[in-house]
Amino acid sequence: MHIRIINPVITTSWAEDSQRTYANAANPGTQVSVVSLDWGTASIESYRDDALATPGILHRIVQAETEGVDAVIIDCMADPGLHAGRELVRIPVVGPAQSSMHLAAILGHRFSVLSTSDRDVPWVEDQVNRYGLSQQLASVRAINIPVLSLADDPEATIQALIVAAEQAVREDGAHVLIPGCTGLAGLASRIQEALATQGYDVVVLDPPSVAMKLAESLVFLGYAHSKRTYPAPPVKEIRWPF
């Protein structure tokens, strides 16, 4: 089984971390490869970034299917290009946010998303609404650390996440928590442990791991997205950078 991770930005320095993160979550024998974009933005933190990244993401999705890849994961909690990508291929295209939000709704009564910025709040709320899960959303709590700065001071980042997580549980009634950026991969267990010391027995998901397990399960089961939902687009002239 071969799972392709699309790093939907032009920042190639994340590729090694992404490879390690997803490979650690994969079953033995699953091949994991990572590709970045040649054209787009350094990070995705707005609707503009999402729009600029989408052409490159679609190109990489089609390329993955052509190369015989079994499933694709878009490595961003914005799930950029997710629905458009599903129209173009017959292999599973998985988004970490959609996967994690639906799992959170299964595992608990209400969930909160720990975003990187206050500006993300309406964006995440709109995303949750599109996925049909608004009634399960307890809150969106921001740590206000830019995506490109998350790794500058790892301890400050984790402490900000713990504070936001505690507020989401105590004040908003969250039973499940979702870190709102794949750049926060691997921190879920530390957040969960810190909350446990405060007496809060909640689940904290790791979106890349959830996405990997869903992708592997879809391939194993032989399932992909319904072409009644995601039919191939009409053939017409298109001009784009590729």
Protein backbone atom coordinates (compact mmCIF):
# COMPACT_ATOMS: atom_id res chain seq x y z
CA MET A 1 0.00 0.00 0.00
CA HIS A 2 1.31 3.43 -0.94
CA ILE A 3 -0.05 6.58 0.74
CA ARG A 4 1.01 9.97 -0.68
CA ILE A 5 1.17 12.95 1.68
CA ILE A 6 0.72 16.28 -0.08
CA ASN A 7 2.39 19.13 1.80
CA PRO A 8 0.13 21.86 0.33
CA VAL A 9 2.65 24.69 0.56
CA ILE A 10 5.99 25.70 -0.94
CA THR A 11 7.78 25.31 2.43
CA THR A 12 9.84 22.19 1.76
CA SER A 13 11.58 22.18 5.16
CA TRP A 14 8.51 20.46 6.66
CA ALA A 15 8.77 17.47 4.34
CA GLU A 16 11.08 15.44 6.60
CA ASP A 17 8.89 15.98 9.67
CA SER A 18 5.79 15.08 7.66
CA GLN A 19 7.43 11.90 6.40
CA ARG A 20 8.33 10.85 9.93
CA THR A 21 4.94 11.81 11.40
CA TYR A 22 2.86 9.87 8.90
CA ALA A 23 5.23 6.92 8.67
CA ASN A 24 5.09 6.51 12.45
CA ALA A 25 1.29 6.32 12.25
CA ALA A 26 1.26 3.88 9.32
CA ASN A 27 1.10 0.11 9.47
CA PRO A 28 4.30 -1.85 8.80
CA GLY A 29 4.57 -2.33 5.07
CA THR A 30 2.73 0.87 4.15
CA GLN A 31 4.87 3.04 1.91
CA VAL A 32 4.63 6.75 2.73
CA SER A 33 5.86 9.47 0.39
CA VAL A 34 5.70 13.25 0.73
CA VAL A 35 5.54 15.91 -1.98
CA SER A 36 5.35 19.71 -1.68
CA LEU A 37 4.10 22.33 -4.13
CA ASP A 38 6.09 24.19 -6.75
CA TRP A 39 3.64 27.09 -6.71
CA GLY A 40 1.57 28.47 -3.82
CA THR A 41 2.13 29.98 -0.38
CA ALA A 42 4.54 29.36 2.51
CA SER A 43 1.67 28.37 4.83
CA ILE A 44 -2.12 28.20 4.73
CA GLU A 45 -3.69 30.63 7.19
CA SER A 46 -6.47 32.30 5.18
CA TYR A 47 -9.00 31.75 2.42
CA ARG A 48 -6.55 33.46 0.05
CA ASP A 49 -3.82 30.96 0.91
CA ASP A 50 -6.29 28.12 0.45
CA ALA A 51 -7.26 29.38 -3.01
CA LEU A 52 -3.68 29.94 -4.15
CA ALA A 53 -2.64 26.46 -3.02
CA THR A 54 -5.50 24.56 -4.62
CA PRO A 55 -4.21 24.37 -8.24
CA GLY A 56 -0.94 22.85 -7.07
CA ILE A 57 -2.74 20.43 -4.77
CA LEU A 58 -4.99 19.23 -7.60
CA HIS A 59 -1.94 18.72 -9.80
CA ARG A 60 -0.28 16.60 -7.09
CA ILE A 61 -3.45 14.55 -6.52
CA VAL A 62 -3.77 13.67 -10.20
CA GLN A 63 -0.04 12.95 -10.34
CA ALA A 64 -0.37 10.55 -7.38
CA GLU A 65 -3.08 8.50 -9.06
CA THR A 66 -1.09 8.42 -12.32
CA GLU A 67 1.91 7.06 -10.38
CA GLY A 68 -0.16 4.24 -8.87
CA VAL A 69 -0.50 5.68 -5.37
CA ASP A 70 -3.38 4.06 -3.41
CA ALA A 71 -4.59 7.08 -1.43
CA VAL A 72 -3.73 10.73 -0.81
CA ILE A 73 -3.71 12.80 2.39
CA ILE A 74 -3.67 16.60 2.17
CA ASP A 75 -1.43 17.62 5.08
CA CYS A 76 -3.34 20.67 6.33
CA MET A 77 -6.27 21.17 8.70
CA ALA A 78 -7.88 23.53 6.20
CA ASP A 79 -8.41 20.46 3.97
CA PRO A 80 -7.57 22.62 0.92
CA GLY A 81 -8.61 21.21 -2.44
CA LEU A 82 -10.29 18.22 -0.77
CA HIS A 83 -13.60 18.17 -2.65
CA ALA A 84 -12.15 19.31 -5.97
CA GLY A 85 -9.47 16.64 -5.72
CA ARG A 86 -12.07 13.93 -5.20
CA GLU A 87 -13.70 14.93 -8.48
CA LEU A 88 -10.48 14.31 -10.38
CA VAL A 89 -9.46 10.85 -9.20
CA ARG A 90 -10.84 7.49 -8.11
CA ILE A 91 -8.44 6.89 -5.24
CA PRO A 92 -9.35 8.09 -1.71
CA VAL A 93 -8.45 11.71 -0.94
CA VAL A 94 -8.40 12.30 2.81
CA GLY A 95 -8.39 15.53 4.81
CA PRO A 96 -7.11 15.53 8.43
CA ALA A 97 -9.77 18.00 9.61
CA GLN A 98 -12.76 16.17 8.16
CA SER A 99 -11.43 12.83 9.44
CA SER A 100 -10.73 14.14 12.94
CA MET A 101 -13.96 16.09 13.31
CA HIS A 102 -16.11 13.10 12.41
CA LEU A 103 -14.12 10.84 14.72
CA ALA A 104 -14.44 13.42 17.51
CA ALA A 105 -18.21 13.42 17.04
CA ILE A 106 -18.17 9.63 17.44
CA LEU A 107 -15.96 9.62 20.53
CA GLY A 108 -17.61 12.38 22.53
CA HIS A 109 -20.67 14.57 22.98
CA ARG A 110 -18.95 17.82 21.88
CA PHE A 111 -15.50 18.73 20.59
CA SER A 112 -13.31 21.83 20.43
CA VAL A 113 -10.65 22.81 17.90
CA LEU A 114 -7.41 24.40 19.13
CA SER A 115 -6.54 26.79 16.30
CA THR A 116 -3.38 28.81 15.76
CA SER A 117 -5.05 32.23 15.45
CA ASP A 118 -8.19 34.15 16.37
CA ARG A 119 -8.67 34.84 12.67
CA ASP A 120 -9.22 31.10 12.19
CA VAL A 121 -12.34 30.99 14.37
CA PRO A 122 -14.98 31.84 11.72
CA TRP A 123 -13.08 29.77 9.16
CA VAL A 124 -13.14 26.67 11.37
CA GLU A 125 -16.77 27.26 12.31
CA ASP A 126 -17.68 27.41 8.60
CA GLN A 127 -15.67 24.23 8.00
CA VAL A 128 -17.45 22.39 10.81
CA ASN A 129 -20.80 23.54 9.40
CA ARG A 130 -19.88 22.21 5.93
CA TYR A 131 -19.09 18.85 7.50
CA GLY A 132 -22.51 18.79 9.19
CA LEU A 133 -21.13 18.84 12.73
CA SER A 134 -22.08 22.28 14.07
CA GLN A 135 -24.21 20.82 16.85
CA GLN A 136 -21.19 18.88 18.13
CA LEU A 137 -18.82 21.89 18.14
CA ALA A 138 -18.20 23.22 21.64
CA SER A 139 -15.76 25.96 20.62
CA VAL A 140 -12.73 27.07 18.65
CA ARG A 141 -9.93 28.23 20.94
CA ALA A 142 -6.88 30.03 19.53
CA ILE A 143 -3.30 29.99 20.81
CA ASN A 144 -2.30 32.94 18.58
CA ILE A 145 1.03 31.59 17.37
CA PRO A 146 1.56 31.84 13.58
CA VAL A 147 1.97 28.56 11.75
CA LEU A 148 5.49 29.46 10.63
CA SER A 149 6.46 30.16 14.28
CA LEU A 150 5.05 27.06 15.97
CA ALA A 151 8.45 25.36 16.11
CA ASP A 152 10.41 28.43 17.24
CA ASP A 153 9.69 27.78 20.92
CA PRO A 154 8.16 24.29 21.24
CA GLU A 155 7.63 24.56 25.00
CA ALA A 156 5.76 27.86 24.63
CA THR A 157 3.59 26.28 21.95
CA ILE A 158 2.66 23.26 24.07
CA GLN A 159 1.93 25.41 27.11
CA ALA A 160 -0.35 27.67 25.04
CA LEU A 161 -2.15 24.57 23.77
CA ILE A 162 -2.63 23.24 27.29
CA VAL A 163 -4.10 26.56 28.45
CA ALA A 164 -6.49 26.72 25.48
CA ALA A 165 -7.42 23.06 25.94
CA GLU A 166 -8.21 23.54 29.63
CA GLN A 167 -10.43 26.52 28.79
CA ALA A 168 -12.22 24.53 26.09
CA VAL A 169 -12.98 21.73 28.55
CA ARG A 170 -13.78 23.81 31.65
CA GLU A 171 -15.58 26.76 30.06
CA ASP A 172 -16.95 25.38 26.80
CA GLY A 173 -17.82 21.81 27.77
CA ALA A 174 -15.58 20.02 25.26
CA HIS A 175 -15.23 16.25 25.67
CA VAL A 176 -12.81 15.78 22.74
CA LEU A 177 -10.09 18.14 21.54
CA ILE A 178 -8.54 18.55 18.10
CA PRO A 179 -5.27 20.46 17.53
CA GLY A 180 -6.14 22.69 14.57
CA CYS A 181 -2.89 22.49 12.60
CA THR A 182 -0.97 19.47 11.33
CA GLY A 183 2.16 21.35 12.40
CA LEU A 184 1.09 20.39 15.94
CA ALA A 185 1.43 16.69 15.18
CA GLY A 186 2.65 14.56 18.06
CA LEU A 187 1.50 16.94 20.81
CA ALA A 188 -1.89 15.36 21.48
CA SER A 189 -0.61 12.98 24.15
CA ARG A 190 1.09 15.79 26.08
CA ILE A 191 -2.08 17.87 26.05
CA GLN A 192 -4.16 14.90 27.19
CA GLU A 193 -1.72 14.07 29.99
CA ALA A 194 -1.66 17.68 31.21
CA LEU A 195 -5.45 17.79 31.32
CA ALA A 196 -5.54 14.50 33.20
CA THR A 197 -3.41 16.01 35.97
CA GLN A 198 -6.11 18.69 36.32
CA GLY A 199 -8.81 16.05 36.61
CA TYR A 200 -10.14 16.23 33.06
CA ASP A 201 -10.55 12.81 31.44
CA VAL A 202 -10.91 13.80 27.77
CA VAL A 203 -9.66 12.58 24.40
CA VAL A 204 -7.15 14.62 22.38
CA LEU A 205 -6.83 13.50 18.76
CA ASP A 206 -3.73 13.63 16.57
CA PRO A 207 -5.15 14.58 13.12
CA PRO A 208 -2.27 13.19 10.99
CA SER A 209 -2.58 9.81 12.72
CA VAL A 210 -6.35 9.81 12.25
CA ALA A 211 -5.98 10.69 8.57
CA MET A 212 -3.39 7.97 8.01
CA LYS A 213 -5.51 5.30 9.65
CA LEU A 214 -8.57 6.35 7.66
CA ALA A 215 -6.60 6.31 4.39
CA GLU A 216 -5.22 2.84 5.13
CA SER A 217 -8.67 1.56 6.09
CA LEU A 218 -10.26 2.86 2.89
CA VAL A 219 -7.59 1.19 0.77
CA PHE A 220 -7.85 -2.06 2.74
CA LEU A 221 -11.65 -2.10 2.41
CA GLY A 222 -11.55 -1.14 -1.25
CA TYR A 223 -13.63 1.99 -0.71
CA ALA A 224 -13.29 5.41 -2.33
CA HIS A 225 -15.52 8.44 -2.60
CA SER A 226 -18.83 8.07 -4.42
CA LYS A 227 -18.80 9.39 -7.95
CA ARG A 228 -22.44 10.32 -7.45
CA THR A 229 -21.16 12.85 -4.91
CA TYR A 230 -17.91 13.71 -6.71
CA PRO A 231 -18.52 13.25 -10.46
CA ALA A 232 -15.72 14.08 -12.89
CA PRO A 233 -15.88 17.75 -13.98
CA PRO A 234 -16.98 18.62 -17.53
CA VAL A 235 -14.15 18.66 -20.06
CA LYS A 236 -13.32 22.23 -21.06
CA GLU A 237 -10.40 24.54 -21.72
CA ILE A 238 -8.48 25.43 -18.55
CA ARG A 239 -5.50 27.74 -18.10
CA TRP A 240 -3.40 27.38 -14.97
CA PRO A 241 0.30 27.28 -14.00
CA PHE A 242 0.79 23.59 -14.91
